[in-house]
Amino acid sequence: MFDAKKLLDQFLGSQMPGAGGTVGGRADQVTKLAKDNPLATGAIAAVLLGTKSGRKLAGNAAVLGGLAAIAGLGYQAYKNYHAGQAPQSATPAPAQLPAPPADSGFAAPEALSNDFALVLVRAMIAAARADGHIDETERGRIMDKLSVSGLSADAAAFLETELANPIDLDAIVAAGETEEERVEIYTASRLAIEPEGRAERGYLDLLAGRLGLADALVDHIEATVSAAKVSI
């Protein structure tokens, strides 16, 4: 079995060269790297999400590391929601995203199971496919690009299968056993796409409903993720 945690980090680009420093200081560099050579940055999502004009790649969140970004942003939204604060999408993400406390219910990357990391990867792929633009021809083009990205054979085969088979939303939803895990599933999905069209927005609304997330909590996740992104 391949390392799902590593694949998730590759999705969000944590292996980008020159990833030191603060998020704010790296944003321009990350954007340029993702534009010039997304595969060299390790941001597999750039291949999936770059297949349609108007997409945006997670910028500030990308350099935080896949698992760290999902857990950190999800926890921040969850904390603010339970504190009764109003969502503030105009507030920039902190330069250094704090790690969730050990007792928060949001697992640190080293404590997260490989199985749940795989669920988060599946959630991101499902979100990327929400508008139905990845047909057989597009799937072949994506796999051709991924073949030179340094992925293991097992990971590449997994991605090809996920892109070819129908989205199993029931399995994704069922994997969220706690509210914190359900927040992470939604956060990962929201990091993967920009809901600029009806299909993407409709998918995220459906996912939130199926996960049983309160509207106000979803608003906090939306605001927190939006603040952590930059346009490509």
Protein backbone atom coordinates (compact mmCIF):
# COMPACT_ATOMS: atom_id res chain seq x y z
CA MET A 1 0.00 0.00 0.00
CA PHE A 2 1.33 3.42 -0.90
CA ASP A 3 1.78 6.26 1.58
CA ALA A 4 -1.50 8.19 1.43
CA LYS A 5 -0.11 10.93 3.68
CA LYS A 6 2.69 11.62 1.20
CA LEU A 7 0.20 11.65 -1.67
CA LEU A 8 -1.98 14.13 0.20
CA ASP A 9 1.03 16.39 0.77
CA GLN A 10 1.80 16.16 -2.94
CA PHE A 11 -1.77 17.18 -3.72
CA LEU A 12 -1.35 20.40 -1.79
CA GLY A 13 2.27 20.97 -2.74
CA SER A 14 4.12 20.73 0.57
CA GLN A 15 7.21 19.48 -1.29
CA MET A 16 7.73 22.79 -3.02
CA PRO A 17 11.36 23.91 -3.20
CA GLY A 18 12.17 26.92 -1.07
CA ALA A 19 9.23 26.35 1.27
CA GLY A 20 10.87 28.02 4.23
CA GLY A 21 9.87 31.34 5.73
CA THR A 22 6.42 32.72 6.37
CA VAL A 23 3.32 32.06 4.34
CA GLY A 24 3.00 35.69 3.36
CA GLY A 25 6.59 35.89 2.20
CA ARG A 26 6.29 32.73 0.13
CA ALA A 27 2.99 33.46 -1.62
CA ASP A 28 4.45 35.09 -4.74
CA GLN A 29 7.14 32.43 -5.06
CA VAL A 30 4.62 29.62 -4.72
CA THR A 31 2.33 31.16 -7.32
CA LYS A 32 5.18 31.46 -9.82
CA LEU A 33 6.37 27.91 -9.18
CA ALA A 34 2.89 26.52 -9.66
CA LYS A 35 2.46 28.44 -12.91
CA ASP A 36 5.84 27.56 -14.38
CA ASN A 37 6.11 23.91 -13.43
CA PRO A 38 3.35 22.51 -11.20
CA LEU A 39 4.73 18.98 -11.28
CA ALA A 40 8.11 20.14 -10.00
CA THR A 41 6.32 21.70 -7.02
CA GLY A 42 4.67 18.40 -6.16
CA ALA A 43 1.24 20.03 -6.40
CA ILE A 44 -0.68 17.24 -8.11
CA ALA A 45 -3.85 19.25 -7.62
CA ALA A 46 -2.43 21.73 -10.12
CA VAL A 47 -2.74 19.04 -12.77
CA LEU A 48 -6.25 18.04 -11.79
CA LEU A 49 -7.53 21.55 -11.18
CA GLY A 50 -5.56 23.20 -13.97
CA THR A 51 -7.58 21.36 -16.57
CA LYS A 52 -10.17 24.11 -16.72
CA SER A 53 -9.63 27.85 -17.05
CA GLY A 54 -10.63 29.91 -14.08
CA ARG A 55 -9.50 27.41 -11.48
CA LYS A 56 -7.45 28.58 -8.54
CA LEU A 57 -4.75 26.58 -6.82
CA ALA A 58 -4.44 26.76 -3.06
CA GLY A 59 -1.61 29.24 -2.62
CA ASN A 60 -0.86 30.09 0.99
CA ALA A 61 -2.38 26.80 2.16
CA ALA A 62 -0.32 24.83 -0.35
CA VAL A 63 3.00 25.54 1.34
CA LEU A 64 1.74 24.52 4.76
CA GLY A 65 1.69 20.82 3.87
CA GLY A 66 -1.38 18.82 2.96
CA LEU A 67 -2.25 17.34 6.34
CA ALA A 68 -1.13 20.39 8.31
CA ALA A 69 -3.21 22.72 6.12
CA ILE A 70 -6.36 20.63 6.35
CA ALA A 71 -6.13 20.04 10.11
CA GLY A 72 -4.95 23.58 10.90
CA LEU A 73 -7.53 25.42 8.80
CA GLY A 74 -10.30 23.05 9.83
CA TYR A 75 -9.48 23.49 13.50
CA GLN A 76 -9.30 27.27 13.20
CA ALA A 77 -12.75 27.39 11.59
CA TYR A 78 -14.14 24.93 14.14
CA LYS A 79 -12.71 26.90 17.06
CA ASN A 80 -14.06 30.23 15.81
CA TYR A 81 -17.48 28.70 15.17
CA HIS A 82 -17.75 27.29 18.68
CA ALA A 83 -16.51 30.59 20.13
CA GLY A 84 -19.50 32.30 18.52
CA GLN A 85 -17.38 34.53 16.30
CA ALA A 86 -18.60 35.80 12.95
CA PRO A 87 -16.89 34.40 9.82
CA GLN A 88 -14.31 36.86 8.47
CA SER A 89 -13.09 35.90 5.01
CA ALA A 90 -11.32 39.24 4.63
CA THR A 91 -8.95 38.40 7.49
CA PRO A 92 -5.68 36.99 6.09
CA ALA A 93 -4.55 33.58 7.29
CA PRO A 94 -1.83 33.77 9.95
CA ALA A 95 1.75 33.66 8.66
CA GLN A 96 2.37 30.54 10.70
CA LEU A 97 -0.73 28.37 11.00
CA PRO A 98 -0.79 26.99 14.57
CA ALA A 99 -1.06 23.23 15.01
CA PRO A 100 -4.32 22.03 16.61
CA PRO A 101 -4.01 21.08 20.30
CA ALA A 102 -3.49 17.38 20.95
CA ASP A 103 -6.92 17.05 22.55
CA SER A 104 -8.77 19.01 19.85
CA GLY A 105 -9.95 16.02 17.82
CA PHE A 106 -7.95 17.24 14.81
CA ALA A 107 -5.12 14.75 14.37
CA ALA A 108 -1.54 15.89 13.87
CA PRO A 109 -0.03 14.63 10.59
CA GLU A 110 2.08 12.02 12.36
CA ALA A 111 -0.96 10.72 14.26
CA LEU A 112 -3.35 10.55 11.31
CA SER A 113 -4.06 7.06 9.99
CA ASN A 114 -3.15 6.18 6.43
CA ASP A 115 -6.76 5.12 5.85
CA PHE A 116 -8.17 8.53 6.76
CA ALA A 117 -5.49 10.30 4.72
CA LEU A 118 -6.74 8.22 1.80
CA VAL A 119 -10.29 9.43 2.51
CA LEU A 120 -9.10 13.04 2.32
CA VAL A 121 -7.39 12.36 -1.03
CA ARG A 122 -10.61 10.79 -2.33
CA ALA A 123 -12.58 13.79 -1.08
CA MET A 124 -10.31 16.17 -3.00
CA ILE A 125 -10.56 14.12 -6.19
CA ALA A 126 -14.34 13.97 -5.87
CA ALA A 127 -14.47 17.75 -5.51
CA ALA A 128 -12.21 18.21 -8.53
CA ARG A 129 -14.57 16.04 -10.57
CA ALA A 130 -17.72 17.82 -9.38
CA ASP A 131 -18.32 19.72 -12.60
CA GLY A 132 -17.92 16.60 -14.74
CA HIS A 133 -15.17 18.04 -16.96
CA ILE A 134 -12.77 15.11 -16.48
CA ASP A 135 -13.87 12.78 -19.27
CA GLU A 136 -11.94 9.82 -20.71
CA THR A 137 -9.78 12.01 -22.95
CA GLU A 138 -9.01 14.43 -20.14
CA ARG A 139 -8.25 11.55 -17.79
CA GLY A 140 -5.65 10.22 -20.22
CA ARG A 141 -4.03 13.63 -20.48
CA ILE A 142 -3.87 13.93 -16.69
CA MET A 143 -2.31 10.49 -16.31
CA ASP A 144 0.29 11.33 -18.97
CA LYS A 145 1.32 14.34 -16.92
CA LEU A 146 1.31 12.44 -13.65
CA SER A 147 3.50 9.72 -15.16
CA VAL A 148 6.46 12.12 -15.07
CA SER A 149 5.70 13.48 -11.58
CA GLY A 150 7.66 10.87 -9.64
CA LEU A 151 4.59 9.14 -8.21
CA SER A 152 4.92 5.52 -7.18
CA ALA A 153 3.24 2.99 -9.45
CA ASP A 154 0.72 2.15 -6.71
CA ALA A 155 -0.21 5.79 -6.17
CA ALA A 156 -0.57 6.42 -9.91
CA ALA A 157 -2.77 3.34 -10.27
CA PHE A 158 -4.92 4.54 -7.37
CA LEU A 159 -5.38 7.97 -8.98
CA GLU A 160 -6.26 6.44 -12.34
CA THR A 161 -8.89 4.23 -10.69
CA GLU A 162 -10.35 7.15 -8.74
CA LEU A 163 -10.62 9.24 -11.89
CA ALA A 164 -12.23 6.40 -13.86
CA ASN A 165 -14.79 5.14 -11.35
CA PRO A 166 -17.99 6.90 -10.22
CA ILE A 167 -17.62 9.15 -7.17
CA ASP A 168 -18.54 7.19 -4.04
CA LEU A 169 -19.89 10.00 -1.89
CA ASP A 170 -21.49 7.53 0.51
CA ALA A 171 -18.08 6.08 1.41
CA ILE A 172 -16.50 9.52 1.82
CA VAL A 173 -19.28 10.68 4.14
CA ALA A 174 -19.32 7.44 6.14
CA ALA A 175 -15.58 7.77 6.85
CA GLY A 176 -16.18 10.87 8.97
CA GLU A 177 -16.88 9.26 12.34
CA THR A 178 -16.51 12.43 14.43
CA GLU A 179 -17.54 16.01 13.79
CA GLU A 180 -13.87 16.98 13.61
CA GLU A 181 -13.22 14.38 10.90
CA ARG A 182 -16.25 15.59 8.97
CA VAL A 183 -14.89 19.14 9.18
CA GLU A 184 -11.57 17.89 7.76
CA ILE A 185 -13.33 16.12 4.88
CA TYR A 186 -15.17 19.31 3.96
CA THR A 187 -12.04 21.45 4.42
CA ALA A 188 -10.02 19.18 2.12
CA SER A 189 -12.77 19.33 -0.50
CA ARG A 190 -12.99 23.12 -0.26
CA LEU A 191 -9.21 23.45 -0.55
CA ALA A 192 -9.36 21.47 -3.78
CA ILE A 193 -11.71 23.77 -5.68
CA GLU A 194 -13.09 27.25 -6.05
CA PRO A 195 -16.91 27.08 -6.14
CA GLU A 196 -17.27 29.59 -8.97
CA GLY A 197 -19.86 27.56 -10.88
CA ARG A 198 -23.16 25.97 -9.94
CA ALA A 199 -21.76 22.43 -10.15
CA GLU A 200 -18.93 23.08 -7.69
CA ARG A 201 -21.14 25.08 -5.31
CA GLY A 202 -23.88 22.48 -5.54
CA TYR A 203 -21.43 19.67 -4.77
CA LEU A 204 -20.03 21.43 -1.70
CA ASP A 205 -23.54 22.20 -0.44
CA LEU A 206 -24.52 18.56 -0.94
CA LEU A 207 -21.37 17.39 0.84
CA ALA A 208 -21.94 19.71 3.79
CA GLY A 209 -25.50 18.48 4.11
CA ARG A 210 -24.51 14.83 3.90
CA LEU A 211 -21.80 15.40 6.52
CA GLY A 212 -24.34 17.03 8.81
CA LEU A 213 -22.35 20.24 9.24
CA ALA A 214 -24.21 23.27 10.55
CA ASP A 215 -24.57 26.12 8.06
CA ALA A 216 -22.72 28.50 10.37
CA LEU A 217 -19.83 26.04 10.70
CA VAL A 218 -19.63 25.68 6.92
CA ASP A 219 -19.54 29.50 6.65
CA HIS A 220 -16.53 29.54 8.98
CA ILE A 221 -14.72 26.87 6.93
CA GLU A 222 -15.45 28.78 3.73
CA ALA A 223 -14.11 32.01 5.21
CA THR A 224 -11.01 30.40 6.70
CA VAL A 225 -10.06 28.56 3.50
CA SER A 226 -10.72 31.63 1.33
CA ALA A 227 -8.38 33.68 3.51
CA ALA A 228 -5.64 31.08 3.05
CA LYS A 229 -5.77 31.10 -0.75
CA VAL A 230 -4.19 33.26 -3.42
CA SER A 231 -5.24 33.53 -7.05
CA ILE A 232 -3.17 31.87 -9.76
